[in-house]
């Protein structure tokens, strides 16, 4: 069997940059939200001064700077916000925000008692000094980032009408030497957690909708098998498909009850529909080349996958009601790794053009021409959509090393996400 060069998994790139339109005296019900797709739109300017210790308001404590920094980075991560550097105003909450061209300001206070941290945060309109949002949180010191992320998501929703993605998680494979293990992290890379400890080759992590579960493929028993693990614990994992040959990279249905999986138990890598327990419901393709990398539309009505039935890996669309298949891509040496946006009819995929893998997007239902998302000379692979459909995470490869990057749906704000040792691949975003 010819080697499979294309990797399966994840979900496409993002757009919907947002300018706010907030009536000066409007109630929350009166707010008007604008979705702006142009990369030329000015980012919203935020002031996030250092949080004040309520027990020592006249002193500037390191924790206050840390809390403000985490919130600033979480807001910036969404790609629509620019943070005014604290050194421009000394980090003071009494700065002249209008002169600093701030649109909004977040004022935070905290109090520490033993292992407990109490946080109070307010979102202010810099022009009117109106309080737009106020929240209080209480938790342990280990939970302070989670409280910051939760408030960040509330701020994003207040401005855009849609929840933010600060509280989401990202799974990926990290390679150290010859060992590949699955890890989990928050959006800032601060709470890095190792999920698998097989000390062998583990690939293709996929979040299972409807609960705290993650599936992945591992070779640690000598053959490739599909496993599922409960993320609420770290001790056990369950094999759900150990059939002969490939058990590779499932696409889970929106309710987490079914999956489309590549199996080669009969010799040829074909797509199968299985239930959550790993029992086969139906064979979807039948010896028409190598069939891999399925990705389901949000409504479950369609499936995009990769097949080399015409000689080279190309993308195909399957109508899940009729099982009819049509070819989607015709340009590029290879087209692979499709990922369907959770919010619209849009896929992101990797395409080999002039010897380099670039990311492209397209609407698989209309037959439109694919649009380039990346263009620099590095390889861009394994794209995955953010839960809000505004961003894509992917692997950028230079030589043998791979690192995780993010980019907005319109091609702006490309940046490296984490500073982690090793080589990272197969990123997946939680829902």
Protein backbone atom coordinates (compact mmCIF):
# COMPACT_ATOMS: atom_id res chain seq x y z
CA UNK A 1 0.00 0.00 0.00
CA UNK A 2 1.39 3.40 -0.91
CA UNK A 3 2.36 5.61 2.08
CA UNK A 4 -0.24 8.06 3.34
CA UNK A 5 1.37 11.50 3.39
CA UNK A 6 -1.71 13.46 4.27
CA UNK A 7 -2.75 13.79 7.89
CA UNK A 8 -6.30 13.66 9.02
CA UNK A 9 -8.00 16.02 11.30
CA UNK A 10 -9.26 19.32 12.53
CA UNK A 11 -11.33 22.28 11.40
CA UNK A 12 -10.79 25.30 9.07
CA UNK A 13 -9.93 28.98 9.49
CA UNK A 14 -11.58 31.91 10.83
CA UNK A 15 -13.15 35.20 10.09
CA UNK A 16 -15.67 37.63 11.49
CA UNK A 17 -13.47 40.40 12.79
CA UNK A 18 -15.72 42.57 14.77
CA UNK A 19 -16.07 46.27 15.24
CA UNK A 20 -18.38 47.22 18.04
CA UNK A 21 -21.24 49.61 17.71
CA UNK A 22 -22.44 50.50 21.18
CA UNK A 23 -25.07 53.20 21.59
CA UNK A 24 -23.88 55.56 24.25
CA UNK A 25 -26.96 55.26 26.50
CA UNK A 26 -28.21 51.89 25.25
CA UNK A 27 -29.25 48.96 27.38
CA UNK A 28 -27.85 45.49 26.67
CA UNK A 29 -30.94 44.67 24.63
CA UNK A 30 -30.37 47.73 22.41
CA UNK A 31 -26.77 46.95 21.46
CA UNK A 32 -25.91 46.61 17.81
CA UNK A 33 -23.15 44.17 16.85
CA UNK A 34 -21.24 44.41 13.58
CA UNK A 35 -19.39 41.53 11.93
CA UNK A 36 -16.50 42.91 9.92
CA UNK A 37 -14.56 40.55 7.64
CA UNK A 38 -12.10 43.04 6.22
CA UNK A 39 -8.54 42.72 7.50
CA UNK A 40 -8.25 46.52 7.31
CA UNK A 41 -10.65 47.09 10.20
CA UNK A 42 -9.09 48.83 13.19
CA UNK A 43 -8.78 46.73 16.30
CA UNK A 44 -10.61 47.82 19.46
CA UNK A 45 -8.27 49.60 21.89
CA UNK A 46 -8.38 48.34 25.47
CA UNK A 47 -6.76 49.60 28.62
CA UNK A 48 -6.15 46.86 31.18
CA UNK A 49 -4.29 48.48 34.09
CA UNK A 50 -2.81 46.40 36.88
CA UNK A 51 -5.38 44.95 39.26
CA UNK A 52 -5.55 46.55 42.70
CA UNK A 53 -5.17 44.61 45.95
CA UNK A 54 -8.30 45.61 47.91
CA UNK A 55 -6.48 45.10 51.20
CA UNK A 56 -3.54 47.29 50.15
CA UNK A 57 -4.91 49.66 47.47
CA UNK A 58 -1.91 52.00 47.55
CA UNK A 59 0.60 49.28 46.71
CA UNK A 60 1.30 47.61 43.38
CA UNK A 61 1.59 43.87 43.90
CA UNK A 62 3.07 41.29 41.48
CA UNK A 63 -0.21 39.35 41.47
CA UNK A 64 -2.06 42.43 40.22
CA UNK A 65 0.30 42.69 37.26
CA UNK A 66 0.00 38.96 36.54
CA UNK A 67 -3.80 39.06 36.54
CA UNK A 68 -3.91 42.06 34.20
CA UNK A 69 -1.33 40.47 31.90
CA UNK A 70 -3.29 37.21 31.64
CA UNK A 71 -6.49 39.10 30.86
CA UNK A 72 -4.72 41.26 28.26
CA UNK A 73 -3.25 38.24 26.48
CA UNK A 74 -6.62 36.44 26.56
CA UNK A 75 -8.36 39.43 24.98
CA UNK A 76 -5.64 39.86 22.34
CA UNK A 77 -5.89 36.15 21.48
CA UNK A 78 -9.30 36.82 19.89
CA UNK A 79 -7.68 38.92 17.15
CA UNK A 80 -10.01 41.91 17.41
CA UNK A 81 -8.49 43.74 20.40
CA UNK A 82 -5.32 45.79 20.84
CA UNK A 83 -4.01 46.36 24.37
CA UNK A 84 -2.54 49.75 25.29
CA UNK A 85 0.88 48.96 26.87
CA UNK A 86 0.75 49.57 30.66
CA UNK A 87 4.16 51.31 30.57
CA UNK A 88 2.47 54.17 28.69
CA UNK A 89 0.50 55.06 31.83
CA UNK A 90 2.37 53.29 34.63
CA UNK A 91 -0.30 50.63 34.95
CA UNK A 92 -2.48 53.06 36.95
CA UNK A 93 -6.25 52.64 37.01
CA UNK A 94 -6.69 56.44 37.06
CA UNK A 95 -5.02 57.04 33.69
CA UNK A 96 -6.50 59.52 31.22
CA UNK A 97 -8.04 56.95 28.93
CA UNK A 98 -9.39 59.36 26.33
CA UNK A 99 -5.91 60.78 25.72
CA UNK A 100 -4.62 57.23 25.35
CA UNK A 101 -7.26 56.60 22.64
CA UNK A 102 -8.84 53.78 24.64
CA UNK A 103 -12.24 52.51 23.54
CA UNK A 104 -12.75 50.39 26.64
CA UNK A 105 -11.10 49.90 30.01
CA UNK A 106 -11.19 46.95 32.41
CA UNK A 107 -10.67 47.75 36.09
CA UNK A 108 -9.90 44.82 38.37
CA UNK A 109 -9.57 44.30 42.09
CA UNK A 110 -8.57 41.24 44.08
CA UNK A 111 -8.21 39.99 47.63
CA UNK A 112 -6.28 36.94 48.81
CA UNK A 113 -7.21 35.00 51.94
CA UNK A 114 -5.18 31.85 52.47
CA UNK A 115 -5.59 29.81 49.28
CA UNK A 116 -8.68 31.75 48.17
CA UNK A 117 -8.63 34.55 45.59
CA UNK A 118 -11.59 36.90 45.15
CA UNK A 119 -11.75 38.86 41.89
CA UNK A 120 -13.93 41.79 40.88
CA UNK A 121 -13.75 43.11 37.30
CA UNK A 122 -15.61 45.87 35.45
CA UNK A 123 -15.75 46.67 31.73
CA UNK A 124 -15.99 50.45 31.23
CA UNK A 125 -16.79 52.57 28.18
CA UNK A 126 -13.80 54.94 28.05
CA UNK A 127 -15.81 57.75 26.44
CA UNK A 128 -18.76 57.78 28.85
CA UNK A 129 -17.30 56.07 31.95
CA UNK A 130 -20.37 53.83 31.83
CA UNK A 131 -20.06 50.37 33.39
CA UNK A 132 -20.99 47.88 30.68
CA UNK A 133 -20.24 44.67 32.55
CA UNK A 134 -19.33 43.71 36.11
CA UNK A 135 -18.44 40.27 37.47
CA UNK A 136 -17.19 38.78 40.75
CA UNK A 137 -15.43 35.43 41.08
CA UNK A 138 -14.02 33.39 43.94
CA UNK A 139 -11.72 30.37 43.74
CA UNK A 140 -8.38 28.90 44.69
CA UNK A 141 -5.08 30.36 43.58
CA UNK A 142 -4.83 27.51 41.07
CA UNK A 143 -8.15 28.64 39.54
CA UNK A 144 -7.28 32.30 39.00
CA UNK A 145 -6.56 31.82 35.27
CA UNK A 146 -9.92 30.09 34.80
CA UNK A 147 -11.67 33.07 36.42
CA UNK A 148 -9.79 35.46 34.14
CA UNK A 149 -10.69 33.37 31.07
CA UNK A 150 -14.35 33.31 32.09
CA UNK A 151 -14.48 37.09 32.38
CA UNK A 152 -12.66 37.47 29.07
CA UNK A 153 -15.33 35.39 27.33
CA UNK A 154 -18.03 37.53 28.94
CA UNK A 155 -16.33 40.70 27.63
CA UNK A 156 -16.12 39.30 24.10
CA UNK A 157 -19.80 38.35 24.23
CA UNK A 158 -20.72 41.81 25.53
CA UNK A 159 -19.03 43.42 22.52
CA UNK A 160 -19.81 40.93 19.76
CA UNK A 161 -22.92 39.07 20.85
CA UNK A 162 -21.02 35.76 20.76
CA UNK A 163 -19.10 34.09 23.62
CA UNK A 164 -15.32 34.23 23.53
CA UNK A 165 -13.00 31.24 23.32
CA UNK A 166 -10.71 31.90 26.28
CA UNK A 167 -12.17 29.01 28.29
CA UNK A 168 -11.62 26.48 25.49
CA UNK A 169 -8.77 23.97 25.37
CA UNK A 170 -6.39 22.79 22.69
CA UNK A 171 -5.17 19.22 22.33
CA UNK A 172 -2.05 18.32 20.35
CA UNK A 173 0.68 15.74 19.92
CA UNK A 174 4.13 16.55 21.24
CA UNK A 175 7.20 14.65 20.05
CA UNK A 176 10.29 14.28 22.21
CA UNK A 177 12.82 12.00 20.52
CA UNK A 178 10.92 9.03 19.08
CA UNK A 179 8.01 9.30 21.53
CA UNK A 180 4.74 11.08 20.67
CA UNK A 181 2.21 11.81 23.43
CA UNK A 182 -1.04 13.79 23.59
CA UNK A 183 -1.13 17.00 25.63
CA UNK A 184 -3.83 19.48 26.58
CA UNK A 185 -3.46 23.20 27.25
CA UNK A 186 -5.38 26.44 27.70
CA UNK A 187 -5.17 29.17 25.04
CA UNK A 188 -2.11 30.78 26.70
CA UNK A 189 -0.18 27.53 27.18
CA UNK A 190 -0.06 28.02 30.97
CA UNK A 191 -1.82 24.85 32.14
CA UNK A 192 -0.01 22.19 30.14
CA UNK A 193 -1.28 18.68 30.92
CA UNK A 194 -0.03 15.36 29.57
CA UNK A 195 -2.92 13.05 28.63
CA UNK A 196 -1.21 9.89 27.34
CA UNK A 197 1.81 8.10 28.76
CA UNK A 198 2.21 5.20 26.35
CA UNK A 199 5.86 6.08 25.62
CA UNK A 200 5.33 5.24 21.98
CA UNK A 201 3.59 6.75 18.94
CA UNK A 202 0.26 8.52 19.58
CA UNK A 203 -1.50 10.64 16.94
CA UNK A 204 -4.77 12.28 15.91
CA UNK A 205 -6.40 13.51 19.14
CA UNK A 206 -10.11 14.36 18.67
CA UNK A 207 -12.47 15.87 21.24
CA UNK A 208 -15.71 13.91 21.55
CA UNK A 209 -18.77 16.21 21.58
CA UNK A 210 -21.12 16.02 24.53
CA UNK A 211 -18.67 15.37 27.35
CA UNK A 212 -15.11 15.54 28.69
CA UNK A 213 -13.75 12.83 26.39
CA UNK A 214 -10.85 12.67 23.93
CA UNK A 215 -10.16 10.00 21.33
CA UNK A 216 -6.75 9.27 19.81
CA UNK A 217 -4.88 6.64 17.85
CA UNK A 218 -1.92 4.82 19.42
CA UNK A 219 0.54 2.12 18.37
CA UNK A 220 1.66 1.18 21.89
CA UNK A 221 0.17 -2.35 21.74
CA UNK A 222 2.09 -3.11 18.54
CA UNK A 223 -0.75 -2.30 16.15
CA UNK A 224 -2.70 0.87 15.43
CA UNK A 225 -5.84 1.16 17.60
CA UNK A 226 -8.39 3.83 18.47
CA UNK A 227 -8.78 4.78 22.13
CA UNK A 228 -11.04 7.08 24.13
CA UNK A 229 -10.20 8.59 27.51
CA UNK A 230 -12.20 10.46 30.15
CA UNK A 231 -10.39 13.77 30.74
CA UNK A 232 -11.67 13.94 34.32
CA UNK A 233 -9.05 11.34 35.27
CA UNK A 234 -5.54 10.30 34.23
CA UNK A 235 -5.31 6.57 34.93
CA UNK A 236 -7.34 4.63 32.38
CA UNK A 237 -8.17 4.65 28.69
CA UNK A 238 -10.50 2.44 26.65
CA UNK A 239 -9.90 0.85 23.25
CA UNK A 240 -12.95 1.25 21.00
CA UNK A 241 -11.50 -0.13 17.75
CA UNK A 242 -8.63 -2.65 17.58
CA UNK A 243 -9.34 -4.10 14.17
CA UNK A 244 -6.55 -5.36 11.95
CA UNK A 245 -4.77 -2.59 10.05
CA UNK A 246 -5.73 1.08 10.30
CA UNK A 247 -8.07 2.47 12.97
CA UNK A 248 -7.54 6.08 12.07
CA UNK A 249 -8.69 9.63 12.89
CA UNK A 250 -12.45 9.62 13.47
CA UNK A 251 -14.84 12.42 12.63
CA UNK A 252 -17.38 12.61 15.45
CA UNK A 253 -21.02 13.54 14.93
CA UNK A 254 -22.29 16.67 16.70
CA UNK A 255 -23.97 14.61 19.44
CA UNK A 256 -20.91 12.41 19.98
CA UNK A 257 -22.90 9.22 19.36
CA UNK A 258 -21.44 8.26 15.96
CA UNK A 259 -18.15 8.56 14.13
CA UNK A 260 -16.74 8.07 10.66
CA UNK A 261 -13.46 6.16 10.86
CA UNK A 262 -10.87 4.87 8.39
CA UNK A 263 -10.49 1.08 8.71
CA UNK A 264 -8.37 -1.23 6.56
CA UNK A 265 -9.52 -4.52 8.08
CA UNK A 266 -10.44 -5.84 4.62
CA UNK A 267 -7.23 -4.61 3.01
CA UNK A 268 -8.17 -1.22 1.56
CA UNK A 269 -8.44 1.92 3.73
CA UNK A 270 -12.15 2.77 3.59
CA UNK A 271 -14.53 4.97 5.56
CA UNK A 272 -16.95 3.33 7.98
CA UNK A 273 -19.79 4.68 10.10
CA UNK A 274 -19.56 3.40 13.68
CA UNK A 275 -21.40 4.00 16.92
CA UNK A 276 -19.74 5.38 20.05
CA UNK A 277 -18.86 1.89 21.28
CA UNK A 278 -16.97 1.13 18.07
CA UNK A 279 -19.56 -1.13 16.45
CA UNK A 280 -19.79 -0.83 12.65
CA UNK A 281 -23.08 0.57 11.35
CA UNK A 282 -22.22 0.92 7.67
CA UNK A 283 -19.36 0.92 5.18
CA UNK A 284 -19.36 4.28 3.37
CA UNK A 285 -16.68 3.77 0.69
CA UNK A 286 -15.74 0.56 -1.12
CA UNK A 287 -12.19 0.08 -2.40
CA UNK A 288 -12.13 3.37 -4.29
CA UNK A 289 -8.55 4.29 -3.46
CA UNK A 290 -7.29 5.30 -0.01
CA UNK A 291 -10.05 7.12 1.91
CA UNK A 292 -9.08 9.12 5.00
CA UNK A 293 -9.52 12.41 6.91
CA UNK A 294 -13.31 12.65 7.20
CA UNK A 295 -14.88 15.84 8.57
CA UNK A 296 -18.58 16.25 9.24
CA UNK A 297 -20.72 19.30 8.51
CA UNK A 298 -22.28 20.82 11.67
CA UNK A 299 -25.75 19.57 10.70
CA UNK A 300 -24.49 16.06 9.90
CA UNK A 301 -25.88 16.19 6.37
CA UNK A 302 -22.53 16.09 4.55
CA UNK A 303 -19.04 14.70 4.88
CA UNK A 304 -15.81 15.89 3.27
CA UNK A 305 -12.94 13.41 3.04
CA UNK A 306 -9.68 12.71 1.21
CA UNK A 307 -9.23 10.04 -1.45
CA UNK A 308 -6.58 9.23 -4.05
CA UNK A 309 -9.04 7.34 -6.25
CA UNK A 310 -7.99 9.48 -9.22
CA UNK A 311 -4.26 9.11 -8.55
CA UNK A 312 -3.51 12.00 -6.16
CA UNK A 313 -5.08 12.93 -2.80
CA UNK A 314 -8.08 15.18 -3.45
CA UNK A 315 -11.12 16.32 -1.47
CA UNK A 316 -14.53 14.74 -1.98
CA UNK A 317 -18.01 15.58 -0.68
CA UNK A 318 -20.42 12.84 0.41
CA UNK A 319 -24.13 13.51 0.89
CA UNK A 320 -24.88 11.51 4.05
CA UNK A 321 -28.52 11.07 3.03
CA UNK A 322 -27.93 9.66 -0.44
CA UNK A 323 -24.28 8.56 -0.08
CA UNK A 324 -23.54 10.26 -3.41
CA UNK A 325 -19.96 11.52 -3.79
CA UNK A 326 -18.51 14.33 -5.88
CA UNK A 327 -14.99 15.66 -6.25
CA UNK A 328 -14.27 19.13 -4.81
CA UNK A 329 -10.63 20.00 -5.60
CA UNK A 330 -8.76 19.97 -8.90
CA UNK A 331 -5.80 22.32 -8.32
CA UNK A 332 -2.64 21.49 -6.37
CA UNK A 333 -0.49 18.37 -6.26
CA UNK A 334 -2.27 17.16 -3.12
CA UNK A 335 -5.28 18.40 -1.17
CA UNK A 336 -5.75 16.92 2.29
CA UNK A 337 -6.65 17.37 5.97
CA UNK A 338 -10.04 19.09 5.56
CA UNK A 339 -11.77 20.54 8.60
CA UNK A 340 -15.34 21.85 8.58
CA UNK A 341 -16.16 25.08 10.38
CA UNK A 342 -18.53 24.62 13.34
CA UNK A 343 -20.45 27.76 12.37
CA UNK A 344 -20.88 27.76 8.57
CA UNK A 345 -20.44 25.93 5.27
CA UNK A 346 -16.69 26.45 5.06
CA UNK A 347 -13.78 24.04 5.19
CA UNK A 348 -10.07 24.65 5.65
CA UNK A 349 -7.53 22.22 4.21
CA UNK A 350 -3.87 21.86 3.30
CA UNK A 351 -2.89 22.03 -0.35
CA UNK A 352 0.49 21.20 -1.85
CA UNK A 353 1.34 24.05 -4.21
CA UNK A 354 4.81 24.43 -5.78
CA UNK A 355 6.28 22.00 -3.27
CA UNK A 356 4.87 23.80 -0.18
CA UNK A 357 1.77 22.97 1.88
CA UNK A 358 -0.46 26.03 2.21
CA UNK A 359 -3.87 26.43 3.86
CA UNK A 360 -6.96 27.14 1.75
CA UNK A 361 -10.64 27.64 2.50
CA UNK A 362 -13.71 26.89 0.39
CA UNK A 363 -17.45 26.37 0.61
CA UNK A 364 -17.85 22.66 -0.21
CA UNK A 365 -21.56 23.03 -1.05
CA UNK A 366 -21.28 25.71 -3.74
CA UNK A 367 -18.24 24.51 -5.69
CA UNK A 368 -16.50 27.88 -5.39
CA UNK A 369 -12.78 28.23 -6.04
CA UNK A 370 -10.58 27.66 -2.95
CA UNK A 371 -9.11 30.81 -1.39
CA UNK A 372 -5.55 30.90 0.00
CA UNK A 373 -5.19 31.52 3.73
CA UNK A 374 -1.38 31.29 4.04
CA UNK A 375 1.44 32.05 1.62
CA UNK A 376 4.86 32.07 3.35
CA UNK A 377 7.40 29.38 2.33
CA UNK A 378 6.92 27.15 5.41
CA UNK A 379 4.69 24.07 5.33
CA UNK A 380 1.22 24.67 6.85
CA UNK A 381 -0.59 21.50 7.89
CA UNK A 382 -3.29 19.96 10.13
CA UNK A 383 -5.68 22.94 10.36
CA UNK A 384 -8.46 23.05 12.98
CA UNK A 385 -11.24 25.62 13.53
CA UNK A 386 -11.85 27.54 16.72
CA UNK A 387 -15.28 26.96 18.33
CA UNK A 388 -16.48 30.41 17.24
CA UNK A 389 -15.42 29.83 13.62
CA UNK A 390 -13.18 32.91 13.64
CA UNK A 391 -9.72 31.35 13.82
CA UNK A 392 -7.72 28.35 12.67
CA UNK A 393 -4.88 26.62 14.48
CA UNK A 394 -2.36 24.63 12.47
CA UNK A 395 1.13 23.17 12.39
CA UNK A 396 3.90 25.15 10.76
CA UNK A 397 6.88 23.03 9.71
CA UNK A 398 10.41 24.18 8.94
CA UNK A 399 12.75 21.25 8.42
CA UNK A 400 12.02 18.54 11.01
CA UNK A 401 10.52 20.77 13.71
CA UNK A 402 6.83 21.57 13.94
CA UNK A 403 5.18 24.30 16.01
CA UNK A 404 1.59 25.38 16.60
CA UNK A 405 0.32 28.62 15.04
CA UNK A 406 -2.97 30.47 14.89
CA UNK A 407 -4.47 32.70 12.20
CA UNK A 408 -7.70 34.63 11.74
CA UNK A 409 -10.21 33.46 9.16
CA UNK A 410 -9.37 36.41 6.92
CA UNK A 411 -5.64 35.60 6.95
CA UNK A 412 -4.60 38.23 9.52
CA UNK A 413 -2.97 37.89 12.94
CA UNK A 414 -0.81 34.85 12.23
CA UNK A 415 1.33 34.04 15.27
CA UNK A 416 3.06 31.22 17.11
CA UNK A 417 0.86 30.13 20.00
CA UNK A 418 3.09 28.39 22.55
CA UNK A 419 6.70 28.15 23.59
CA UNK A 420 6.87 24.42 24.28
CA UNK A 421 9.88 22.15 23.97
CA UNK A 422 9.67 19.35 21.43
CA UNK A 423 7.82 19.23 18.13
CA UNK A 424 4.04 19.76 18.07
CA UNK A 425 1.49 18.47 15.59
CA UNK A 426 -2.18 17.48 15.12
CA UNK A 427 -3.77 20.42 17.00
CA UNK A 428 -7.47 20.11 17.89
CA UNK A 429 -9.75 22.71 19.46
CA UNK A 430 -12.39 21.80 22.04
CA UNK A 431 -15.98 22.85 21.44
